[in-house]
Each structure stands twice: as structure tokens, then as C-alpha cells.
């Protein structure tokens, strides 16, 4: 039985335009869609390793959530799930969890858009 826990995991701050963050993506069974006052957003639990808005991050990473309605986050959901819905994971001919557990670079372009690529 898991330990008792109250509260929520913190959400990652936005990456400033022109900057990058280094992350690992959590298991897909923890990905979800969240309704917010700004509409539906994608929520992916991550381990954060670098981010210019944080003074220090432990070398083992910091647990938080990437919550976004960016096209990069949407593309990740559509790559992993049928119809982009967490209830319908796709089947892959490789170990998806192993691929997601690699480090990824999250870039926020000067125009404000995000891209994400595996390192």
C-alpha cells in the first residue's frame, strides 16, 4: 500500500522564450487531460533536470508536471494515445516506457511555441 500523501505535485514553470529544459517523461498511465479555466490542457508527470527559471535542481531531478496546451504536448499525446485520449494507448513494436524514460529537450522558441526532442 502506498504511503499517505496530501496535496499535488507542482507544475513546471513555463520555459522562457529562447530557453530549454531537460526532462524525462513519466509512465503513460499517469498522463491525463485536465480541465482548467483556460480550457483542456495535457498533463504529463516529468522529472525535471534543467530549467533556466529554477536556481537549483537536484541531480536526481525534480518531480513535477508539464501542464500545457502546446502543440508539442498535444503531439506527444497523439503519438502515444489513439485519438489523443489517455484511455486508448497505442501498441508499439518497441518498449515505449524505455523510450520515454530517456532524457528529452523541451525548447521554447522566441515565438512562444514549444518543441520537444529526445536526446
C-alpha atoms as a PDB file:
ATOM      1  CA  UNK A   1       0.000   0.000   0.000  1.00  0.00           C
ATOM      2  CA  UNK A   2       1.419   3.421  -0.927  1.00  0.00           C
ATOM      3  CA  UNK A   3       2.143   5.936   1.822  1.00  0.00           C
ATOM      4  CA  UNK A   4      -0.276   8.678   2.730  1.00  0.00           C
ATOM      5  CA  UNK A   5       0.132  11.859   0.694  1.00  0.00           C
ATOM      6  CA  UNK A   6      -1.722  15.165   0.597  1.00  0.00           C
ATOM      7  CA  UNK A   7      -1.525  17.947  -1.948  1.00  0.00           C
ATOM      8  CA  UNK A   8      -0.400  17.894  -5.556  1.00  0.00           C
ATOM      9  CA  UNK A   9       2.824  17.669  -7.490  1.00  0.00           C
ATOM     10  CA  UNK A  10       3.986  21.132  -8.544  1.00  0.00           C
ATOM     11  CA  UNK A  11       3.592  22.186 -12.157  1.00  0.00           C
ATOM     12  CA  UNK A  12       6.725  23.117 -14.066  1.00  0.00           C
ATOM     13  CA  UNK A  13       7.070  26.845 -14.738  1.00  0.00           C
ATOM     14  CA  UNK A  14       6.904  27.912 -18.363  1.00  0.00           C
ATOM     15  CA  UNK A  15      10.234  27.761 -20.132  1.00  0.00           C
ATOM     16  CA  UNK A  16      11.192  31.350 -21.038  1.00  0.00           C
ATOM     17  CA  UNK A  17      11.257  32.144 -24.786  1.00  0.00           C
ATOM     18  CA  UNK A  18      14.598  31.172 -26.335  1.00  0.00           C
ATOM     19  CA  UNK A  19      15.432  28.760 -23.479  1.00  0.00           C
ATOM     20  CA  UNK A  20      15.352  24.986 -22.995  1.00  0.00           C
ATOM     21  CA  UNK A  21      14.622  22.475 -20.234  1.00  0.00           C
ATOM     22  CA  UNK A  22      15.777  18.868 -19.887  1.00  0.00           C
ATOM     23  CA  UNK A  23      13.151  16.364 -18.747  1.00  0.00           C
ATOM     24  CA  UNK A  24      12.256  12.673 -18.513  1.00  0.00           C
ATOM     25  CA  UNK A  25       8.641  11.661 -19.142  1.00  0.00           C
ATOM     26  CA  UNK A  26       6.799   9.501 -16.605  1.00  0.00           C
ATOM     27  CA  UNK A  27       4.896   6.303 -17.333  1.00  0.00           C
ATOM     28  CA  UNK A  28       1.918   6.858 -19.642  1.00  0.00           C
ATOM     29  CA  UNK A  29      -0.524   5.508 -17.059  1.00  0.00           C
ATOM     30  CA  UNK A  30      -0.032   8.815 -15.204  1.00  0.00           C
ATOM     31  CA  UNK A  31      -0.673  11.105 -18.196  1.00  0.00           C
ATOM     32  CA  UNK A  32      -4.031  12.861 -18.179  1.00  0.00           C
ATOM     33  CA  UNK A  33      -6.186  15.604 -19.607  1.00  0.00           C
ATOM     34  CA  UNK A  34      -7.102  18.399 -17.192  1.00  0.00           C
ATOM     35  CA  UNK A  35      -9.924  20.872 -17.460  1.00  0.00           C
ATOM     36  CA  UNK A  36      -8.772  24.359 -16.476  1.00  0.00           C
ATOM     37  CA  UNK A  37     -10.231  27.845 -16.628  1.00  0.00           C
ATOM     38  CA  UNK A  38      -8.263  28.173 -19.902  1.00  0.00           C
ATOM     39  CA  UNK A  39      -9.682  25.006 -21.449  1.00  0.00           C
ATOM     40  CA  UNK A  40      -8.378  21.452 -21.689  1.00  0.00           C
ATOM     41  CA  UNK A  41      -4.662  21.004 -21.042  1.00  0.00           C
ATOM     42  CA  UNK A  42      -2.382  17.997 -21.285  1.00  0.00           C
ATOM     43  CA  UNK A  43      -0.669  16.936 -18.059  1.00  0.00           C
ATOM     44  CA  UNK A  44       2.467  14.794 -18.147  1.00  0.00           C
ATOM     45  CA  UNK A  45       4.360  13.959 -14.952  1.00  0.00           C
ATOM     46  CA  UNK A  46       8.069  14.559 -15.513  1.00  0.00           C
ATOM     47  CA  UNK A  47      11.442  14.580 -13.849  1.00  0.00           C
ATOM     48  CA  UNK A  48      12.975  17.995 -14.449  1.00  0.00           C
ATOM     49  CA  UNK A  49      16.781  18.122 -14.756  1.00  0.00           C
ATOM     50  CA  UNK A  50      17.435  21.624 -16.076  1.00  0.00           C
ATOM     51  CA  UNK A  51      15.357  24.777 -16.455  1.00  0.00           C
ATOM     52  CA  UNK A  52      16.525  28.391 -16.508  1.00  0.00           C
ATOM     53  CA  UNK A  53      13.764  29.528 -14.123  1.00  0.00           C
ATOM     54  CA  UNK A  54      14.994  27.327 -11.253  1.00  0.00           C
ATOM     55  CA  UNK A  55      18.088  28.229  -9.224  1.00  0.00           C
ATOM     56  CA  UNK A  56      18.910  24.657  -8.301  1.00  0.00           C
ATOM     57  CA  UNK A  57      17.538  21.266  -9.256  1.00  0.00           C
ATOM     58  CA  UNK A  58      18.768  18.073  -7.545  1.00  0.00           C
ATOM     59  CA  UNK A  59      20.970  15.888  -9.767  1.00  0.00           C
ATOM     60  CA  UNK A  60      18.349  13.105  -9.476  1.00  0.00           C
ATOM     61  CA  UNK A  61      15.780  15.527 -10.932  1.00  0.00           C
ATOM     62  CA  UNK A  62      12.710  17.231  -9.534  1.00  0.00           C
ATOM     63  CA  UNK A  63       9.251  15.648  -9.830  1.00  0.00           C
ATOM     64  CA  UNK A  64       6.654  17.950 -11.318  1.00  0.00           C
ATOM     65  CA  UNK A  65       4.055  18.078 -14.079  1.00  0.00           C
ATOM     66  CA  UNK A  66       4.332  19.600 -17.514  1.00  0.00           C
ATOM     67  CA  UNK A  67       0.838  21.036 -17.977  1.00  0.00           C
ATOM     68  CA  UNK A  68       0.335  22.619 -21.364  1.00  0.00           C
ATOM     69  CA  UNK A  69      -1.947  23.017 -24.324  1.00  0.00           C
ATOM     70  CA  UNK A  70       1.039  23.493 -26.650  1.00  0.00           C
ATOM     71  CA  UNK A  71       1.208  21.702 -29.975  1.00  0.00           C
ATOM     72  CA  UNK A  72       4.323  19.834 -28.755  1.00  0.00           C
ATOM     73  CA  UNK A  73       2.466  18.400 -25.755  1.00  0.00           C
ATOM     74  CA  UNK A  74      -0.542  17.586 -27.937  1.00  0.00           C
ATOM     75  CA  UNK A  75       1.742  15.826 -30.459  1.00  0.00           C
ATOM     76  CA  UNK A  76       3.213  13.668 -27.664  1.00  0.00           C
ATOM     77  CA  UNK A  77      -0.292  12.653 -26.580  1.00  0.00           C
ATOM     78  CA  UNK A  78      -1.282  11.855 -30.162  1.00  0.00           C
ATOM     79  CA  UNK A  79       1.908   9.811 -30.655  1.00  0.00           C
ATOM     80  CA  UNK A  80       1.202   7.721 -27.527  1.00  0.00           C
ATOM     81  CA  UNK A  81      -2.606   7.512 -27.463  1.00  0.00           C
ATOM     82  CA  UNK A  82      -5.286   6.746 -30.053  1.00  0.00           C
ATOM     83  CA  UNK A  83      -7.315   9.907 -30.595  1.00  0.00           C
ATOM     84  CA  UNK A  84      -5.036  11.660 -28.061  1.00  0.00           C
ATOM     85  CA  UNK A  85      -7.059  10.126 -25.208  1.00  0.00           C
ATOM     86  CA  UNK A  86      -5.251   8.520 -22.238  1.00  0.00           C
ATOM     87  CA  UNK A  87      -7.859   5.736 -22.130  1.00  0.00           C
ATOM     88  CA  UNK A  88      -6.637   4.397 -25.504  1.00  0.00           C
ATOM     89  CA  UNK A  89      -2.857   3.757 -25.537  1.00  0.00           C
ATOM     90  CA  UNK A  90      -1.349   2.678 -28.841  1.00  0.00           C
ATOM     91  CA  UNK A  91       0.654  -0.506 -29.267  1.00  0.00           C
ATOM     92  CA  UNK A  92       4.288  -0.099 -30.308  1.00  0.00           C
ATOM     93  CA  UNK A  93       6.852  -2.612 -31.559  1.00  0.00           C
ATOM     94  CA  UNK A  94       9.407  -1.215 -29.082  1.00  0.00           C
ATOM     95  CA  UNK A  95       9.470  -0.577 -25.335  1.00  0.00           C
ATOM     96  CA  UNK A  96       7.660   2.762 -25.103  1.00  0.00           C
ATOM     97  CA  UNK A  97       8.360   3.217 -21.388  1.00  0.00           C
ATOM     98  CA  UNK A  98      12.099   2.800 -22.040  1.00  0.00           C
ATOM     99  CA  UNK A  99      11.966   5.451 -24.779  1.00  0.00           C
ATOM    100  CA  UNK A 100      10.014   7.878 -22.606  1.00  0.00           C
ATOM    101  CA  UNK A 101      12.450   7.368 -19.725  1.00  0.00           C
ATOM    102  CA  UNK A 102      15.301   8.807 -21.804  1.00  0.00           C
ATOM    103  CA  UNK A 103      16.091  12.490 -21.476  1.00  0.00           C
ATOM    104  CA  UNK A 104      14.211  14.941 -23.689  1.00  0.00           C
ATOM    105  CA  UNK A 105      14.953  18.561 -24.558  1.00  0.00           C
ATOM    106  CA  UNK A 106      11.978  20.904 -24.301  1.00  0.00           C
ATOM    107  CA  UNK A 107      12.605  24.103 -26.274  1.00  0.00           C
ATOM    108  CA  UNK A 108      10.538  27.256 -26.128  1.00  0.00           C
ATOM    109  CA  UNK A 109      11.119  29.237 -29.274  1.00  0.00           C
ATOM    110  CA  UNK A 110      11.297  33.029 -29.389  1.00  0.00           C
ATOM    111  CA  UNK A 111       7.814  32.978 -30.954  1.00  0.00           C
ATOM    112  CA  UNK A 112       6.458  31.251 -27.817  1.00  0.00           C
ATOM    113  CA  UNK A 113       5.860  27.789 -29.290  1.00  0.00           C
ATOM    114  CA  UNK A 114       7.388  24.621 -27.850  1.00  0.00           C
ATOM    115  CA  UNK A 115       9.162  21.679 -29.425  1.00  0.00           C
ATOM    116  CA  UNK A 116      10.343  18.508 -27.726  1.00  0.00           C
ATOM    117  CA  UNK A 117      13.013  16.083 -28.904  1.00  0.00           C
ATOM    118  CA  UNK A 118      14.660  13.018 -27.461  1.00  0.00           C
ATOM    119  CA  UNK A 119      18.324  13.443 -26.569  1.00  0.00           C
END
